Structure formats: C-alpha cells, structure tokens
Protein backbone atom coordinates (compact mmCIF):
# COMPACT_ATOMS: atom_id res chain seq x y z
CA MET A 1 0.00 0.00 0.00
CA SER A 2 1.20 3.50 -0.76
CA THR A 3 1.91 5.93 2.06
CA LEU A 4 1.78 9.71 2.15
CA ALA A 5 5.01 11.30 3.34
CA PHE A 6 6.78 14.66 3.22
CA ALA A 7 10.32 15.72 2.35
CA GLN A 8 12.03 19.06 2.81
CA VAL A 9 12.78 20.21 -0.72
CA ASN A 10 14.14 23.62 -1.73
CA GLY A 11 12.77 25.25 1.40
CA PHE A 12 9.28 23.73 1.43
CA LYS A 13 7.59 20.47 2.41
CA GLN A 14 6.86 18.40 -0.66
CA ALA A 15 4.23 15.70 -0.26
CA TYR A 16 4.61 12.41 -2.06
CA LEU A 17 3.09 8.94 -2.23
CA GLU A 18 5.51 6.04 -1.90
CA GLU A 19 5.31 2.32 -2.46
CA GLY A 20 7.87 -0.48 -2.70
CA LEU A 21 11.55 -1.04 -2.01
CA GLY A 22 14.50 -0.99 -4.39
CA PRO A 23 16.02 1.46 -6.88
CA LEU A 24 14.27 4.82 -6.85
CA VAL A 25 11.72 5.70 -9.54
CA ILE A 26 10.15 9.17 -9.38
CA LEU A 27 6.96 9.79 -11.39
CA VAL A 28 5.99 13.44 -11.86
CA HIS A 29 2.47 14.60 -12.70
CA GLY A 30 1.33 17.41 -14.96
CA PHE A 31 -1.85 19.48 -15.44
CA PRO A 32 -4.68 19.08 -14.57
CA ASP A 33 -3.43 16.38 -12.28
CA THR A 34 -1.87 15.34 -8.99
CA ALA A 35 0.35 12.52 -7.75
CA HIS A 36 -2.77 10.32 -7.83
CA THR A 37 -2.50 10.18 -11.62
CA TRP A 38 -0.03 7.33 -11.05
CA ASP A 39 -2.21 5.34 -8.60
CA LYS A 40 -2.71 2.47 -11.03
CA ILE A 41 0.95 2.46 -12.11
CA ARG A 42 2.78 2.83 -8.79
CA PRO A 43 1.83 -0.66 -7.45
CA ALA A 44 3.14 -2.36 -10.59
CA ILE A 45 6.48 -0.56 -10.31
CA ALA A 46 6.72 -1.51 -6.64
CA ALA A 47 5.85 -5.13 -7.41
CA ALA A 48 8.66 -5.19 -9.99
CA GLY A 49 11.19 -4.43 -7.26
CA PHE A 50 11.45 -0.66 -7.28
CA ARG A 51 10.77 2.21 -4.89
CA ALA A 52 8.01 4.20 -6.62
CA VAL A 53 7.61 7.81 -5.48
CA THR A 54 4.98 10.17 -6.90
CA PRO A 55 5.33 13.77 -5.65
CA PHE A 56 2.75 16.54 -5.64
CA LEU A 57 4.27 19.51 -7.48
CA ARG A 58 5.14 22.62 -5.47
CA GLY A 59 2.03 24.42 -4.26
CA HIS A 60 -0.29 21.52 -5.07
CA PHE A 61 -1.97 20.47 -1.81
CA PRO A 62 -0.75 18.78 0.32
CA SER A 63 2.65 20.09 -0.84
CA GLU A 64 3.50 23.54 0.46
CA PRO A 65 4.10 26.48 -1.84
CA ALA A 66 7.76 27.17 -2.47
CA PRO A 67 9.13 30.19 -0.60
CA ASP A 68 10.58 31.67 -3.80
CA GLY A 69 7.11 31.66 -5.37
CA LYS A 70 8.49 30.41 -8.68
CA GLN A 71 6.58 28.01 -10.91
CA THR A 72 9.11 27.92 -13.75
CA ILE A 73 10.27 24.79 -15.52
CA GLU A 74 13.71 25.22 -13.96
CA ALA A 75 12.13 25.45 -10.48
CA ILE A 76 10.08 22.26 -10.74
CA GLY A 77 13.06 20.49 -12.31
CA SER A 78 15.18 21.59 -9.37
CA ASP A 79 12.56 20.16 -7.01
CA VAL A 80 12.93 16.75 -8.68
CA LEU A 81 16.69 16.79 -8.18
CA ALA A 82 16.33 17.96 -4.57
CA LEU A 83 13.82 15.19 -3.89
CA ILE A 84 16.35 12.57 -4.99
CA ASP A 85 18.73 13.94 -2.35
CA ALA A 86 16.00 14.22 0.29
CA LEU A 87 15.10 10.56 -0.22
CA GLY A 88 18.69 9.58 0.49
CA GLU A 89 19.54 8.45 -3.03
CA GLU A 90 22.23 9.42 -5.53
CA GLN A 91 20.27 8.54 -8.67
CA ALA A 92 16.73 7.87 -9.84
CA VAL A 93 14.79 6.84 -12.89
CA LEU A 94 12.63 9.84 -13.82
CA ILE A 95 9.19 9.54 -15.42
CA GLY A 96 7.18 12.64 -16.26
CA HIS A 97 3.85 13.41 -17.93
CA ASP A 98 2.82 16.82 -19.31
CA TRP A 99 4.41 19.49 -17.05
CA GLY A 100 6.01 16.56 -15.25
CA ALA A 101 7.76 15.72 -18.52
CA ALA A 102 9.03 19.30 -18.72
CA ALA A 103 10.24 18.97 -15.12
CA VAL A 104 12.18 15.75 -15.73
CA PHE A 105 13.61 17.12 -18.97
CA ALA A 106 14.88 20.15 -17.05
CA ALA A 107 16.22 18.01 -14.21
CA THR A 108 18.09 15.72 -16.60
CA MET A 109 19.57 18.57 -18.58
CA SER A 110 20.68 20.27 -15.37
CA ASP A 111 22.27 17.27 -13.62
CA PRO A 112 22.36 14.10 -15.74
CA ALA A 113 24.55 12.32 -13.17
CA LYS A 114 21.48 12.02 -10.93
CA VAL A 115 19.35 10.41 -13.65
CA LYS A 116 19.70 6.70 -14.43
CA LYS A 117 16.98 6.67 -17.09
CA LEU A 118 14.58 9.27 -18.47
CA ILE A 119 11.03 8.40 -19.51
CA THR A 120 8.77 11.16 -20.83
CA VAL A 121 5.08 10.74 -21.56
CA ALA A 122 3.04 12.66 -24.18
CA ILE A 123 5.49 15.58 -24.47
CA PRO A 124 8.34 15.47 -27.02
CA HIS A 125 11.75 17.04 -26.59
CA ALA A 126 11.47 20.71 -27.56
CA SER A 127 13.80 20.26 -30.54
CA GLY A 128 11.19 18.04 -32.18
CA VAL A 129 8.38 20.56 -31.95
CA ILE A 130 7.53 22.60 -35.04
CA PRO A 131 4.71 25.14 -34.63
CA TRP A 132 2.33 23.43 -37.02
CA PRO A 133 -1.31 24.59 -36.82
CA ARG A 134 -2.31 21.39 -34.97
CA ILE A 135 0.29 22.05 -32.28
CA LEU A 136 -0.68 25.71 -31.91
CA TRP A 137 -4.36 24.77 -31.73
CA GLY A 138 -3.60 22.05 -29.19
CA ALA A 139 -1.72 24.60 -27.07
CA ARG A 140 -4.37 27.32 -27.22
CA HIS A 141 -4.99 26.91 -23.49
CA PHE A 142 -1.56 28.48 -22.89
CA LEU A 143 -3.06 31.80 -24.01
CA ARG A 144 -6.42 31.29 -22.29
CA PHE A 145 -4.75 30.63 -18.96
CA GLN A 146 -3.06 34.02 -19.03
CA LEU A 147 -6.39 35.82 -18.57
CA PRO A 148 -7.31 37.14 -15.10
CA ASP A 149 -10.66 35.31 -14.99
CA THR A 150 -9.10 31.87 -15.54
CA GLU A 151 -9.42 30.69 -11.95
CA LYS A 152 -13.10 31.65 -11.89
CA MET A 153 -13.69 29.90 -15.20
CA ILE A 154 -12.03 26.68 -14.04
CA ARG A 155 -13.85 26.64 -10.68
CA ALA A 156 -17.27 27.15 -12.28
CA ASN A 157 -19.81 24.30 -12.14
CA ASP A 158 -17.69 22.13 -9.87
CA PHE A 159 -14.57 22.49 -12.03
CA ALA A 160 -16.38 21.36 -15.17
CA HIS A 161 -13.51 22.69 -17.30
CA ILE A 162 -11.23 20.01 -15.86
CA ASP A 163 -13.52 17.31 -17.24
CA GLU A 164 -13.65 19.17 -20.55
CA LEU A 165 -9.84 19.16 -20.78
CA LEU A 166 -9.63 15.42 -20.07
CA ARG A 167 -12.05 14.73 -22.91
CA ARG A 168 -10.43 17.26 -25.27
CA TRP A 169 -6.91 15.96 -24.79
CA SER A 170 -7.90 12.28 -24.83
CA PRO A 171 -10.76 12.32 -27.35
CA ARG A 172 -11.35 8.54 -27.38
CA TRP A 173 -11.54 8.32 -23.59
CA ASN A 174 -14.78 8.63 -21.66
CA PRO A 175 -13.54 9.32 -18.11
CA GLY A 176 -15.94 8.94 -15.22
CA PRO A 177 -16.18 11.47 -12.38
CA GLU A 178 -13.65 9.48 -10.34
CA GLU A 179 -10.94 10.41 -12.85
CA SER A 180 -11.08 14.09 -11.92
CA ALA A 181 -12.10 13.82 -8.26
CA ASP A 182 -8.58 13.99 -6.83
CA VAL A 183 -7.49 16.99 -8.85
CA LYS A 184 -10.71 18.87 -8.07
CA GLU A 185 -10.19 18.22 -4.38
CA CYS A 186 -6.62 19.49 -4.68
CA TYR A 187 -7.71 22.67 -6.47
CA ARG A 188 -10.29 23.41 -3.79
CA HIS A 189 -7.44 24.14 -1.38
CA PRO A 190 -6.34 27.79 -1.40
CA GLY A 191 -3.42 28.42 -3.71
CA SER A 192 -3.34 25.03 -5.44
CA LEU A 193 -5.10 26.06 -8.64
CA GLU A 194 -3.01 29.24 -8.75
CA ALA A 195 0.14 27.12 -8.41
CA ALA A 196 -0.97 24.89 -11.29
CA LEU A 197 -1.74 27.85 -13.54
CA GLY A 198 1.54 29.41 -12.47
CA HIS A 199 3.45 27.00 -14.70
CA TYR A 200 1.66 28.44 -17.74
CA ARG A 201 2.04 32.01 -16.58
CA ALA A 202 5.76 31.57 -15.92
CA MET A 203 6.41 30.16 -19.40
CA ARG A 204 8.73 32.32 -21.50
CA PRO A 205 10.14 31.96 -25.04
CA ARG A 206 13.57 31.23 -23.56
CA ASP A 207 12.14 28.03 -22.06
CA VAL A 208 12.13 26.49 -25.53
CA ALA A 209 15.89 27.01 -25.73
CA THR A 210 16.28 25.69 -22.19
CA LEU A 211 14.40 22.50 -23.04
CA SER A 212 16.22 22.07 -26.36
CA ARG A 213 19.50 21.08 -24.72
CA PRO A 214 20.78 17.55 -25.38
CA ILE A 215 19.86 14.49 -23.32
CA THR A 216 22.88 12.40 -22.36
CA VAL A 217 21.21 9.52 -20.46
CA PRO A 218 19.26 6.53 -21.82
CA ALA A 219 15.81 7.81 -22.72
CA TRP A 220 12.37 6.64 -23.77
CA ALA A 221 9.50 8.81 -25.07
CA ILE A 222 5.98 7.41 -24.89
CA SER A 223 3.64 8.81 -27.54
CA GLY A 224 -0.13 8.36 -27.71
CA ASP A 225 -1.68 7.15 -30.96
CA HIS A 226 -4.59 9.57 -30.66
CA ASP A 227 -3.12 12.63 -28.96
CA PRO A 228 -4.73 15.59 -30.74
CA ALA A 229 -1.69 17.87 -30.30
CA THR A 230 1.28 15.61 -31.02
CA ARG A 231 2.18 12.91 -33.51
CA HIS A 232 4.75 10.13 -33.33
CA ILE A 233 6.85 12.04 -35.89
CA ASP A 234 7.31 14.87 -33.37
CA PHE A 235 9.10 12.42 -31.07
CA HIS A 236 11.18 10.87 -33.86
CA ARG A 237 12.19 14.30 -35.12
CA ALA A 238 13.87 14.98 -31.77
CA ARG A 239 16.20 11.96 -32.07
CA PRO A 240 19.37 14.04 -32.75
CA ALA A 241 18.99 15.65 -29.31
CA TYR A 242 19.47 12.30 -27.59
CA ARG A 243 23.16 11.45 -27.27
CA ALA A 244 22.64 8.09 -25.53
CA SER A 245 20.07 5.40 -26.41
CA TYR A 246 16.58 6.61 -27.33
CA GLU A 247 13.36 4.74 -28.06
CA VAL A 248 9.98 6.13 -29.14
CA VAL A 249 7.24 3.92 -27.70
CA LYS A 250 3.97 4.05 -29.61
CA HIS A 251 1.11 3.61 -27.18
CA PRO A 252 -2.68 3.53 -27.55
CA GLY A 253 -4.57 6.51 -26.17
CA GLY A 254 -4.46 10.26 -26.16
CA HIS A 255 -2.70 12.69 -23.85
CA PHE A 256 -3.62 10.76 -20.66
CA LEU A 257 -2.61 7.43 -22.13
CA HIS A 258 -1.26 6.14 -18.81
CA ARG A 259 -4.75 6.43 -17.35
CA GLU A 260 -6.64 5.29 -20.43
CA TYR A 261 -4.64 2.06 -20.76
CA PRO A 262 -2.93 1.52 -17.40
CA GLY A 263 -2.32 -2.20 -18.00
CA ILE A 264 -0.43 -1.59 -21.24
CA PHE A 265 1.39 1.40 -19.76
CA GLU A 266 2.59 -0.46 -16.67
CA ARG A 267 3.91 -3.31 -18.80
CA GLU A 268 5.89 -0.86 -20.94
CA ILE A 269 7.29 0.91 -17.88
CA VAL A 270 8.34 -2.32 -16.18
CA ARG A 271 9.95 -3.47 -19.44
CA ILE A 272 11.96 -0.26 -19.63
CA LEU A 273 12.91 -0.41 -15.96
CA LYS A 274 14.25 -3.93 -16.46
CA VAL A 275 16.51 -2.88 -19.37
CA ALA A 276 20.12 -3.18 -18.20
C-alpha cells in the first residue's frame, strides 16, 4: 500500500506517495493532475522491485508552496533533483507526464549524473516541436490561462472545465467522475489552482531554448496514438537531441494514455525499468 510522506525540498515540504523497495523511480504529474494520476501504475512498479515515489508539485496540496514563489520549468526540475537527495539516493529513474515531462527534462539537462533513465510521456523534446497549426491549436490553453478570470472559469460548475480538458486531450476516452475527483479536491485548497496555472504564466520563449538542450542519459519517449496535439513524428524528429540510447514507444490513447490504458502502460514501464 502507498503511504503519504513529506520531504524538505528547496525550502518547502513536498508531499509524495511512496510504495515499494528498491532502486528509486520518481513519477511526476502534470496538469490538470496530482500525484494520484499514477495510482494504477505505482503498485506495478513496486511489485517489480522498485521504490516508486509520486510527488505533488510545489504548491499543489498537500505540498506547500515554495518560498521563492516560482513556478518555472527550472524550479520544478530543481525540485525533482532535490527530492532525490531528500530521499537519500544518488540517482533515480525519472518519469514525467505533461508538465512533469518538462520537469524531468529540465532536471536531466541540469544534472544528468542524478538520472539513471529518463522516460517522458506525451510531451516530445522541444527540438522536435515545429509550430504546425495542430500544435498551436492544441496549445491554445496556454493563451487562455493568461487571462485574469481563468481561476473563476475553471472553478465554475464544480470544475467542469477540468472534465472538458480530459475529454479534449484524450478524445477517445470517456472518463468517469472518479478520474477528476482527486485533482478537483486538490484545487479546492487555497493556492493550489493558482500554483498549477503558475506553470503556464511563468512560461517564456527562452524556455524552448532551455528544453532544447541535449539528453545524455538513456531515454524513452511514450507517444499516444490519438493525442490531438502531437504525432509520433514529433518524437522521432527529436532523435538528434538524444546522445545516448533513445526509443519512441507508440502507445494507444491520447494525452492521458497512462490512465486510459494503465495495464499496457505499466507493462511498458516495467519493461523499460528492467533494461540493463
């Protein structure tokens, strides 16, 4: 069974769920999400002989807000590296989805010695992204979330916009209310929704250059067959940025493929973890 624990990370208490014993695997969530996005995956990783840790990003209840107030990609990447230290380890396998993918990209680029393997889900390396109309349309929420009424819009009708985003980004998935219950509960706590939107509001053009740096550790990118914003070619196009081994894993599902097909996803993750 997973347990909720806290670690002192970059001046704040970061909450995380933990399960299993063995080499450390950190799984980082994105938006709109929490550490519970990995609830169906964490037990399989633990059963395979690993220590699975799924943190709540800074400011996402029950994690505390960071004292520096930053929600930048570099900041959340730094939190991942600091968590490795706080957990008493020298290295970890990093897995990230959505903003979590950006976080583990940043962490790996900053300190590759701490990263044994890198696994990113649904988000390609920045060097593979060309601003095609489908990508710009898929990222239109980046502009919408800059507006001052965004929090009010998201909170309306019991956070109905969260359910809309799940359906929009995974168009062949029909999620039930249980799929958004944890994130809605998180966002009801003061400051949590603002922290989540802070990642979008902190985004700057220079972040593309930051996330275009090379990856020097063994890496896997998991791409959904039916993600409306990305295509498998976006992940293959980034291959020159990977200086060690690199595999693009084609996976059924849309943006939330790890929740749409958890059985397939866990088998792929365990396979990758077992690679020498």
